[in-house]
Amino acid sequence: MDDSDKIEAAVFRRLLAHLDSRKDAQNIDLMNLAGFCRNCLSKWYMAAADDAGLVVDYDKARERVYGMPYDQWKLKYQTSATDKSMTAFEKAKSE
């Protein structure tokens, strides 16, 4: 692993730690603001594993990103999306 890979790995770990500290930032809000969410990161994690010739299933990737099994995270931290959030999400999808 070269220095840039080490830096990028550290940045990824820091991003996950930041998201973990901001459980109030719901996925719908992240999607509306930034165009990606924790589930997107999980899919990118799986794709990177695949590129490296490794197999990581979606549940394991989400557990890495969420810091716990996804179903557990949803029960503890996920709130219902507001009508305003859903409208913004649907509008962004159609653009």
PDB file of N, CA and C in Angstrom:
ATOM      1  N   MET A   1       0.862  -1.176   0.000  1.00  0.00           N
ATOM      2  CA  MET A   1       0.000   0.000   0.000  1.00  0.00           C
ATOM      3  C   MET A   1       0.905   1.234   0.000  1.00  0.00           C
ATOM      4  N   ASP A   2       0.699   2.111  -0.981  1.00  0.00           N
ATOM      5  CA  ASP A   2       1.514   3.325  -1.019  1.00  0.00           C
ATOM      6  C   ASP A   2       0.907   4.397  -0.109  1.00  0.00           C
ATOM      7  N   ASP A   3       1.618   5.527  -0.006  1.00  0.00           N
ATOM      8  CA  ASP A   3       1.183   6.587   0.919  1.00  0.00           C
ATOM      9  C   ASP A   3      -0.199   7.128   0.596  1.00  0.00           C
ATOM     10  N   SER A   4      -0.521   7.294  -0.694  1.00  0.00           N
ATOM     11  CA  SER A   4      -1.842   7.839  -1.027  1.00  0.00           C
ATOM     12  C   SER A   4      -2.946   6.855  -0.639  1.00  0.00           C
ATOM     13  N   ASP A   5      -2.686   5.542  -0.780  1.00  0.00           N
ATOM     14  CA  ASP A   5      -3.668   4.550  -0.343  1.00  0.00           C
ATOM     15  C   ASP A   5      -3.871   4.614   1.163  1.00  0.00           C
ATOM     16  N   LYS A   6      -2.795   4.804   1.912  1.00  0.00           N
ATOM     17  CA  LYS A   6      -2.889   4.910   3.374  1.00  0.00           C
ATOM     18  C   LYS A   6      -3.699   6.142   3.771  1.00  0.00           C
ATOM     19  N   ILE A   7      -3.458   7.237   3.067  1.00  0.00           N
ATOM     20  CA  ILE A   7      -4.186   8.478   3.351  1.00  0.00           C
ATOM     21  C   ILE A   7      -5.666   8.300   3.031  1.00  0.00           C
ATOM     22  N   GLU A   8      -5.959   7.729   1.861  1.00  0.00           N
ATOM     23  CA  GLU A   8      -7.353   7.530   1.472  1.00  0.00           C
ATOM     24  C   GLU A   8      -8.064   6.581   2.436  1.00  0.00           C
ATOM     25  N   ALA A   9      -7.392   5.549   2.889  1.00  0.00           N
ATOM     26  CA  ALA A   9      -7.987   4.626   3.863  1.00  0.00           C
ATOM     27  C   ALA A   9      -8.278   5.361   5.170  1.00  0.00           C
ATOM     28  N   ALA A  10      -7.361   6.215   5.595  1.00  0.00           N
ATOM     29  CA  ALA A  10      -7.571   6.987   6.825  1.00  0.00           C
ATOM     30  C   ALA A  10      -8.741   7.959   6.668  1.00  0.00           C
ATOM     31  N   VAL A  11      -8.850   8.567   5.499  1.00  0.00           N
ATOM     32  CA  VAL A  11      -9.962   9.488   5.244  1.00  0.00           C
ATOM     33  C   VAL A  11     -11.292   8.732   5.272  1.00  0.00           C
ATOM     34  N   PHE A  12     -11.327   7.547   4.682  1.00  0.00           N
ATOM     35  CA  PHE A  12     -12.542   6.739   4.700  1.00  0.00           C
ATOM     36  C   PHE A  12     -12.942   6.394   6.136  1.00  0.00           C
ATOM     37  N   ARG A  13     -11.959   5.976   6.942  1.00  0.00           N
ATOM     38  CA  ARG A  13     -12.258   5.652   8.343  1.00  0.00           C
ATOM     39  C   ARG A  13     -12.766   6.886   9.072  1.00  0.00           C
ATOM     40  N   ARG A  14     -12.188   8.038   8.775  1.00  0.00           N
ATOM     41  CA  ARG A  14     -12.635   9.276   9.427  1.00  0.00           C
ATOM     42  C   ARG A  14     -14.051   9.647   8.980  1.00  0.00           C
ATOM     43  N   LEU A  15     -14.363   9.468   7.702  1.00  0.00           N
ATOM     44  CA  LEU A  15     -15.719   9.719   7.215  1.00  0.00           C
ATOM     45  C   LEU A  15     -16.717   8.813   7.928  1.00  0.00           C
ATOM     46  N   LEU A  16     -16.392   7.526   8.049  1.00  0.00           N
ATOM     47  CA  LEU A  16     -17.288   6.615   8.755  1.00  0.00           C
ATOM     48  C   LEU A  16     -17.460   7.026  10.210  1.00  0.00           C
ATOM     49  N   ALA A  17     -16.385   7.429  10.863  1.00  0.00           N
ATOM     50  CA  ALA A  17     -16.477   7.878  12.256  1.00  0.00           C
ATOM     51  C   ALA A  17     -17.340   9.125  12.356  1.00  0.00           C
ATOM     52  N   HIS A  18     -17.187  10.034  11.404  1.00  0.00           N
ATOM     53  CA  HIS A  18     -17.997  11.254  11.408  1.00  0.00           C
ATOM     54  C   HIS A  18     -19.478  10.926  11.226  1.00  0.00           C
ATOM     55  N   LEU A  19     -19.780  10.074  10.252  1.00  0.00           N
ATOM     56  CA  LEU A  19     -21.171   9.676  10.047  1.00  0.00           C
ATOM     57  C   LEU A  19     -21.718   8.960  11.275  1.00  0.00           C
ATOM     58  N   ASP A  20     -20.883   8.169  11.931  1.00  0.00           N
ATOM     59  CA  ASP A  20     -21.315   7.474  13.141  1.00  0.00           C
ATOM     60  C   ASP A  20     -21.644   8.462  14.252  1.00  0.00           C
ATOM     61  N   SER A  21     -20.905   9.557  14.294  1.00  0.00           N
ATOM     62  CA  SER A  21     -21.166  10.566  15.324  1.00  0.00           C
ATOM     63  C   SER A  21     -22.363  11.442  14.980  1.00  0.00           C
ATOM     64  N   ARG A  22     -22.853  11.343  13.749  1.00  0.00           N
ATOM     65  CA  ARG A  22     -23.983  12.151  13.279  1.00  0.00           C
ATOM     66  C   ARG A  22     -25.125  11.255  12.826  1.00  0.00           C
ATOM     67  N   LYS A  23     -25.566  10.410  13.738  1.00  0.00           N
ATOM     68  CA  LYS A  23     -26.684   9.531  13.407  1.00  0.00           C
ATOM     69  C   LYS A  23     -27.953  10.325  13.126  1.00  0.00           C
ATOM     70  N   ASP A  24     -27.969  11.585  13.548  1.00  0.00           N
ATOM     71  CA  ASP A  24     -29.111  12.456  13.244  1.00  0.00           C
ATOM     72  C   ASP A  24     -29.172  12.805  11.762  1.00  0.00           C
ATOM     73  N   ALA A  25     -28.072  12.681  11.063  1.00  0.00           N
ATOM     74  CA  ALA A  25     -28.048  12.932   9.619  1.00  0.00           C
ATOM     75  C   ALA A  25     -28.608  11.688   8.933  1.00  0.00           C
ATOM     76  N   GLN A  26     -29.869  11.758   8.577  1.00  0.00           N
ATOM     77  CA  GLN A  26     -30.553  10.622   7.972  1.00  0.00           C
ATOM     78  C   GLN A  26     -30.128  10.455   6.509  1.00  0.00           C
ATOM     79  N   ASN A  27     -30.233   9.241   6.017  1.00  0.00           N
ATOM     80  CA  ASN A  27     -29.839   8.961   4.639  1.00  0.00           C
ATOM     81  C   ASN A  27     -30.585   9.843   3.636  1.00  0.00           C
ATOM     82  N   ILE A  28     -31.861  10.058   3.841  1.00  0.00           N
ATOM     83  CA  ILE A  28     -32.636  10.891   2.913  1.00  0.00           C
ATOM     84  C   ILE A  28     -32.058  12.310   2.875  1.00  0.00           C
ATOM     85  N   ASP A  29     -31.640  12.810   4.025  1.00  0.00           N
ATOM     86  CA  ASP A  29     -31.043  14.149   4.090  1.00  0.00           C
ATOM     87  C   ASP A  29     -29.704  14.178   3.364  1.00  0.00           C
ATOM     88  N   LEU A  30     -28.906  13.131   3.565  1.00  0.00           N
ATOM     89  CA  LEU A  30     -27.614  13.049   2.866  1.00  0.00           C
ATOM     90  C   LEU A  30     -27.827  12.980   1.357  1.00  0.00           C
ATOM     91  N   MET A  31     -28.811  12.181   0.928  1.00  0.00           N
ATOM     92  CA  MET A  31     -29.089  12.079  -0.507  1.00  0.00           C
ATOM     93  C   MET A  31     -29.518  13.424  -1.081  1.00  0.00           C
ATOM     94  N   ASN A  32     -30.379  14.101  -0.368  1.00  0.00           N
ATOM     95  CA  ASN A  32     -30.873  15.385  -0.864  1.00  0.00           C
ATOM     96  C   ASN A  32     -29.784  16.442  -0.897  1.00  0.00           C
ATOM     97  N   LEU A  33     -28.906  16.408   0.052  1.00  0.00           N
ATOM     98  CA  LEU A  33     -27.852  17.423   0.133  1.00  0.00           C
ATOM     99  C   LEU A  33     -26.642  17.087  -0.736  1.00  0.00           C
ATOM    100  N   ALA A  34     -26.204  15.828  -0.668  1.00  0.00           N
ATOM    101  CA  ALA A  34     -24.929  15.479  -1.286  1.00  0.00           C
ATOM    102  C   ALA A  34     -25.028  14.468  -2.425  1.00  0.00           C
ATOM    103  N   GLY A  35     -26.200  13.858  -2.599  1.00  0.00           N
ATOM    104  CA  GLY A  35     -26.358  12.898  -3.681  1.00  0.00           C
ATOM    105  C   GLY A  35     -25.813  11.521  -3.370  1.00  0.00           C
ATOM    106  N   PHE A  36     -25.477  11.250  -2.111  1.00  0.00           N
ATOM    107  CA  PHE A  36     -25.062   9.920  -1.687  1.00  0.00           C
ATOM    108  C   PHE A  36     -25.416   9.749  -0.217  1.00  0.00           C
ATOM    109  N   CYS A  37     -25.447   8.487   0.221  1.00  0.00           N
ATOM    110  CA  CYS A  37     -25.789   8.205   1.611  1.00  0.00           C
ATOM    111  C   CYS A  37     -24.976   7.009   2.103  1.00  0.00           C
ATOM    112  N   ARG A  38     -25.272   6.553   3.271  1.00  0.00           N
ATOM    113  CA  ARG A  38     -24.561   5.407   3.837  1.00  0.00           C
ATOM    114  C   ARG A  38     -24.742   4.158   2.968  1.00  0.00           C
ATOM    115  N   ASN A  39     -25.928   3.980   2.407  1.00  0.00           N
ATOM    116  CA  ASN A  39     -26.145   2.819   1.534  1.00  0.00           C
ATOM    117  C   ASN A  39     -25.299   2.922   0.271  1.00  0.00           C
ATOM    118  N   CYS A  40     -25.144   4.121  -0.258  1.00  0.00           N
ATOM    119  CA  CYS A  40     -24.265   4.321  -1.416  1.00  0.00           C
ATOM    120  C   CYS A  40     -22.827   3.943  -1.056  1.00  0.00           C
ATOM    121  N   LEU A  41     -22.363   4.395   0.107  1.00  0.00           N
ATOM    122  CA  LEU A  41     -21.016   4.036   0.557  1.00  0.00           C
ATOM    123  C   LEU A  41     -20.863   2.524   0.656  1.00  0.00           C
ATOM    124  N   SER A  42     -21.904   1.853   1.129  1.00  0.00           N
ATOM    125  CA  SER A  42     -21.866   0.392   1.229  1.00  0.00           C
ATOM    126  C   SER A  42     -21.710  -0.242  -0.148  1.00  0.00           C
ATOM    127  N   LYS A  43     -22.420   0.278  -1.121  1.00  0.00           N
ATOM    128  CA  LYS A  43     -22.323  -0.246  -2.488  1.00  0.00           C
ATOM    129  C   LYS A  43     -20.950   0.048  -3.080  1.00  0.00           C
ATOM    130  N   TRP A  44     -20.396   1.221  -2.790  1.00  0.00           N
ATOM    131  CA  TRP A  44     -19.051   1.550  -3.265  1.00  0.00           C
ATOM    132  C   TRP A  44     -18.018   0.644  -2.610  1.00  0.00           C
ATOM    133  N   TYR A  45     -18.235   0.315  -1.338  1.00  0.00           N
ATOM    134  CA  TYR A  45     -17.351  -0.591  -0.617  1.00  0.00           C
ATOM    135  C   TYR A  45     -17.354  -1.966  -1.282  1.00  0.00           C
ATOM    136  N   MET A  46     -18.544  -2.462  -1.616  1.00  0.00           N
ATOM    137  CA  MET A  46     -18.666  -3.748  -2.312  1.00  0.00           C
ATOM    138  C   MET A  46     -17.967  -3.704  -3.668  1.00  0.00           C
ATOM    139  N   ALA A  47     -18.145  -2.612  -4.397  1.00  0.00           N
ATOM    140  CA  ALA A  47     -17.527  -2.478  -5.722  1.00  0.00           C
ATOM    141  C   ALA A  47     -16.002  -2.453  -5.610  1.00  0.00           C
ATOM    142  N   ALA A  48     -15.484  -1.767  -4.601  1.00  0.00           N
ATOM    143  CA  ALA A  48     -14.027  -1.724  -4.400  1.00  0.00           C
ATOM    144  C   ALA A  48     -13.499  -3.113  -4.042  1.00  0.00           C
ATOM    145  N   ALA A  49     -14.248  -3.834  -3.227  1.00  0.00           N
ATOM    146  CA  ALA A  49     -13.852  -5.208  -2.897  1.00  0.00           C
ATOM    147  C   ALA A  49     -13.822  -6.056  -4.161  1.00  0.00           C
ATOM    148  N   ASP A  50     -14.842  -5.921  -4.986  1.00  0.00           N
ATOM    149  CA  ASP A  50     -14.902  -6.667  -6.241  1.00  0.00           C
ATOM    150  C   ASP A  50     -13.715  -6.329  -7.138  1.00  0.00           C
ATOM    151  N   ASP A  51     -13.391  -5.037  -7.222  1.00  0.00           N
ATOM    152  CA  ASP A  51     -12.235  -4.614  -8.022  1.00  0.00           C
ATOM    153  C   ASP A  51     -10.938  -5.242  -7.525  1.00  0.00           C
ATOM    154  N   ALA A  52     -10.879  -5.514  -6.218  1.00  0.00           N
ATOM    155  CA  ALA A  52      -9.689  -6.120  -5.613  1.00  0.00           C
ATOM    156  C   ALA A  52      -9.752  -7.648  -5.654  1.00  0.00           C
ATOM    157  N   GLY A  53     -10.802  -8.191  -6.299  1.00  0.00           N
ATOM    158  CA  GLY A  53     -10.937  -9.630  -6.400  1.00  0.00           C
ATOM    159  C   GLY A  53     -11.486 -10.283  -5.147  1.00  0.00           C
ATOM    160  N   LEU A  54     -12.135  -9.492  -4.302  1.00  0.00           N
ATOM    161  CA  LEU A  54     -12.710  -9.988  -3.053  1.00  0.00           C
ATOM    162  C   LEU A  54     -14.225  -9.959  -3.134  1.00  0.00           C
ATOM    163  N   VAL A  55     -14.863 -10.773  -2.335  1.00  0.00           N
ATOM    164  CA  VAL A  55     -16.324 -10.799  -2.292  1.00  0.00           C
ATOM    165  C   VAL A  55     -16.766 -10.289  -0.924  1.00  0.00           C
ATOM    166  N   VAL A  56     -17.526  -9.208  -0.932  1.00  0.00           N
ATOM    167  CA  VAL A  56     -18.146  -8.680   0.279  1.00  0.00           C
ATOM    168  C   VAL A  56     -19.613  -8.503  -0.050  1.00  0.00           C
ATOM    169  N   ASP A  57     -20.491  -9.185   0.697  1.00  0.00           N
ATOM    170  CA  ASP A  57     -21.908  -9.043   0.395  1.00  0.00           C
ATOM    171  C   ASP A  57     -22.442  -7.733   0.975  1.00  0.00           C
ATOM    172  N   TYR A  58     -23.629  -7.379   0.512  1.00  0.00           N
ATOM    173  CA  TYR A  58     -24.219  -6.079   0.851  1.00  0.00           C
ATOM    174  C   TYR A  58     -24.434  -5.928   2.352  1.00  0.00           C
ATOM    175  N   ASP A  59     -24.880  -6.994   3.016  1.00  0.00           N
ATOM    176  CA  ASP A  59     -25.096  -6.904   4.463  1.00  0.00           C
ATOM    177  C   ASP A  59     -23.795  -6.621   5.205  1.00  0.00           C
ATOM    178  N   LYS A  60     -22.718  -7.284   4.818  1.00  0.00           N
ATOM    179  CA  LYS A  60     -21.411  -7.053   5.464  1.00  0.00           C
ATOM    180  C   LYS A  60     -20.893  -5.654   5.148  1.00  0.00           C
ATOM    181  N   ALA A  61     -21.108  -5.190   3.925  1.00  0.00           N
ATOM    182  CA  ALA A  61     -20.673  -3.842   3.559  1.00  0.00           C
ATOM    183  C   ALA A  61     -21.437  -2.805   4.368  1.00  0.00           C
ATOM    184  N   ARG A  62     -22.750  -2.993   4.500  1.00  0.00           N
ATOM    185  CA  ARG A  62     -23.542  -2.046   5.301  1.00  0.00           C
ATOM    186  C   ARG A  62     -23.132  -2.104   6.760  1.00  0.00           C
ATOM    187  N   GLU A  63     -22.818  -3.275   7.275  1.00  0.00           N
ATOM    188  CA  GLU A  63     -22.370  -3.371   8.663  1.00  0.00           C
ATOM    189  C   GLU A  63     -21.070  -2.599   8.866  1.00  0.00           C
ATOM    190  N   ARG A  64     -20.181  -2.636   7.877  1.00  0.00           N
ATOM    191  CA  ARG A  64     -18.927  -1.875   7.952  1.00  0.00           C
ATOM    192  C   ARG A  64     -19.214  -0.381   7.985  1.00  0.00           C
ATOM    193  N   VAL A  65     -20.114   0.068   7.137  1.00  0.00           N
ATOM    194  CA  VAL A  65     -20.425   1.494   7.037  1.00  0.00           C
ATOM    195  C   VAL A  65     -21.240   1.976   8.234  1.00  0.00           C
ATOM    196  N   TYR A  66     -22.234   1.209   8.637  1.00  0.00           N
ATOM    197  CA  TYR A  66     -23.120   1.620   9.732  1.00  0.00           C
ATOM    198  C   TYR A  66     -22.530   1.340  11.111  1.00  0.00           C
ATOM    199  N   GLY A  67     -21.522   0.462  11.170  1.00  0.00           N
ATOM    200  CA  GLY A  67     -20.924   0.124  12.455  1.00  0.00           C
ATOM    201  C   GLY A  67     -21.719  -0.900  13.245  1.00  0.00           C
ATOM    202  N   MET A  68     -22.739  -1.451  12.639  1.00  0.00           N
ATOM    203  CA  MET A  68     -23.607  -2.465  13.248  1.00  0.00           C
ATOM    204  C   MET A  68     -24.488  -3.022  12.150  1.00  0.00           C
ATOM    205  N   PRO A  69     -25.166  -4.135  12.401  1.00  0.00           N
ATOM    206  CA  PRO A  69     -26.089  -4.626  11.371  1.00  0.00           C
ATOM    207  C   PRO A  69     -27.120  -3.548  11.014  1.00  0.00           C
ATOM    208  N   TYR A  70     -27.430  -3.460   9.734  1.00  0.00           N
ATOM    209  CA  TYR A  70     -28.317  -2.417   9.227  1.00  0.00           C
ATOM    210  C   TYR A  70     -29.676  -2.417   9.917  1.00  0.00           C
ATOM    211  N   ASP A  71     -30.251  -3.600  10.111  1.00  0.00           N
ATOM    212  CA  ASP A  71     -31.566  -3.667  10.760  1.00  0.00           C
ATOM    213  C   ASP A  71     -31.527  -3.080  12.164  1.00  0.00           C
ATOM    214  N   GLN A  72     -30.431  -3.331  12.863  1.00  0.00           N
ATOM    215  CA  GLN A  72     -30.263  -2.773  14.207  1.00  0.00           C
ATOM    216  C   GLN A  72     -30.157  -1.244  14.145  1.00  0.00           C
ATOM    217  N   TRP A  73     -29.385  -0.728  13.176  1.00  0.00           N
ATOM    218  CA  TRP A  73     -29.227   0.720  13.029  1.00  0.00           C
ATOM    219  C   TRP A  73     -30.578   1.368  12.732  1.00  0.00           C
ATOM    220  N   LYS A  74     -31.334   0.747  11.824  1.00  0.00           N
ATOM    221  CA  LYS A  74     -32.652   1.295  11.473  1.00  0.00           C
ATOM    222  C   LYS A  74     -33.554   1.390  12.699  1.00  0.00           C
ATOM    223  N   LEU A  75     -33.580   0.345  13.497  1.00  0.00           N
ATOM    224  CA  LEU A  75     -34.437   0.352  14.691  1.00  0.00           C
ATOM    225  C   LEU A  75     -34.023   1.431  15.691  1.00  0.00           C
ATOM    226  N   LYS A  76     -32.723   1.630  15.836  1.00  0.00           N
ATOM    227  CA  LYS A  76     -32.224   2.563  16.849  1.00  0.00           C
ATOM    228  C   LYS A  76     -32.208   4.018  16.385  1.00  0.00           C
ATOM    229  N   TYR A  77     -31.924   4.247  15.092  1.00  0.00           N
ATOM    230  CA  TYR A  77     -31.607   5.608  14.663  1.00  0.00           C
ATOM    231  C   TYR A  77     -32.417   6.162  13.495  1.00  0.00           C
ATOM    232  N   GLN A  78     -33.000   5.317  12.673  1.00  0.00           N
ATOM    233  CA  GLN A  78     -33.695   5.835  11.498  1.00  0.00           C
ATOM    234  C   GLN A  78     -35.035   6.425  11.894  1.00  0.00           C
ATOM    235  N   THR A  79     -35.292   7.604  11.383  1.00  0.00           N
ATOM    236  CA  THR A  79     -36.582   8.251  11.601  1.00  0.00           C
ATOM    237  C   THR A  79     -37.345   8.267  10.282  1.00  0.00           C
ATOM    238  N   SER A  80     -38.618   8.548  10.354  1.00  0.00           N
ATOM    239  CA  SER A  80     -39.430   8.628   9.139  1.00  0.00           C
ATOM    240  C   SER A  80     -39.052   9.877   8.354  1.00  0.00           C
ATOM    241  N   ALA A  81     -38.996   9.728   7.058  1.00  0.00           N
ATOM    242  CA  ALA A  81     -38.703  10.877   6.197  1.00  0.00           C
ATOM    243  C   ALA A  81     -39.899  11.819   6.197  1.00  0.00           C
ATOM    244  N   THR A  82     -39.610  13.097   6.185  1.00  0.00           N
ATOM    245  CA  THR A  82     -40.686  14.080   6.112  1.00  0.00           C
ATOM    246  C   THR A  82     -41.205  14.166   4.678  1.00  0.00           C
ATOM    247  N   ASP A  83     -42.395  14.699   4.535  1.00  0.00           N
ATOM    248  CA  ASP A  83     -42.949  14.913   3.190  1.00  0.00           C
ATOM    249  C   ASP A  83     -42.032  15.817   2.375  1.00  0.00           C
ATOM    250  N   LYS A  84     -41.479  16.841   3.022  1.00  0.00           N
ATOM    251  CA  LYS A  84     -40.576  17.772   2.344  1.00  0.00           C
ATOM    252  C   LYS A  84     -39.328  17.042   1.841  1.00  0.00           C
ATOM    253  N   SER A  85     -38.745  16.167   2.669  1.00  0.00           N
ATOM    254  CA  SER A  85     -37.564  15.402   2.265  1.00  0.00           C
ATOM    255  C   SER A  85     -37.875  14.479   1.098  1.00  0.00           C
ATOM    256  N   MET A  86     -39.006  13.808   1.172  1.00  0.00           N
ATOM    257  CA  MET A  86     -39.386  12.887   0.104  1.00  0.00           C
ATOM    258  C   MET A  86     -39.658  13.621  -1.204  1.00  0.00           C
ATOM    259  N   THR A  87     -40.286  14.783  -1.126  1.00  0.00           N
ATOM    260  CA  THR A  87     -40.539  15.574  -2.327  1.00  0.00           C
ATOM    261  C   THR A  87     -39.219  15.998  -2.964  1.00  0.00           C
ATOM    262  N   ALA A  88     -38.278  16.444  -2.149  1.00  0.00           N
ATOM    263  CA  ALA A  88     -36.964  16.852  -2.659  1.00  0.00           C
ATOM    264  C   ALA A  88     -36.238  15.658  -3.279  1.00  0.00           C
ATOM    265  N   PHE A  89     -36.334  14.509  -2.646  1.00  0.00           N
ATOM    266  CA  PHE A  89     -35.696  13.299  -3.158  1.00  0.00           C
ATOM    267  C   PHE A  89     -36.276  12.897  -4.516  1.00  0.00           C
ATOM    268  N   GLU A  90     -37.592  12.886  -4.608  1.00  0.00           N
ATOM    269  CA  GLU A  90     -38.245  12.523  -5.868  1.00  0.00           C
ATOM    270  C   GLU A  90     -37.923  13.523  -6.967  1.00  0.00           C
ATOM    271  N   LYS A  91     -37.851  14.797  -6.621  1.00  0.00           N
ATOM    272  CA  LYS A  91     -37.509  15.825  -7.610  1.00  0.00           C
ATOM    273  C   LYS A  91     -36.088  15.614  -8.129  1.00  0.00           C
ATOM    274  N   ALA A  92     -35.161  15.334  -7.227  1.00  0.00           N
ATOM    275  CA  ALA A  92     -33.768  15.124  -7.627  1.00  0.00           C
ATOM    276  C   ALA A  92     -33.631  13.887  -8.507  1.00  0.00           C
ATOM    277  N   LYS A  93     -34.390  12.844  -8.230  1.00  0.00           N
ATOM    278  CA  LYS A  93     -34.338  11.616  -9.041  1.00  0.00           C
ATOM    279  C   LYS A  93     -34.802  11.873 -10.463  1.00  0.00           C
ATOM    280  N   SER A  94     -35.747  12.780 -10.632  1.00  0.00           N
ATOM    281  CA  SER A  94     -36.298  13.018 -11.973  1.00  0.00           C
ATOM    282  C   SER A  94     -35.456  13.992 -12.795  1.00  0.00           C
ATOM    283  N   GLU A  95     -34.492  14.605 -12.194  1.00  0.00           N
ATOM    284  CA  GLU A  95     -33.654  15.568 -12.929  1.00  0.00           C
ATOM    285  C   GLU A  95     -32.506  14.911 -13.641  1.00  0.00           C
TER     286      GLU A  95
END
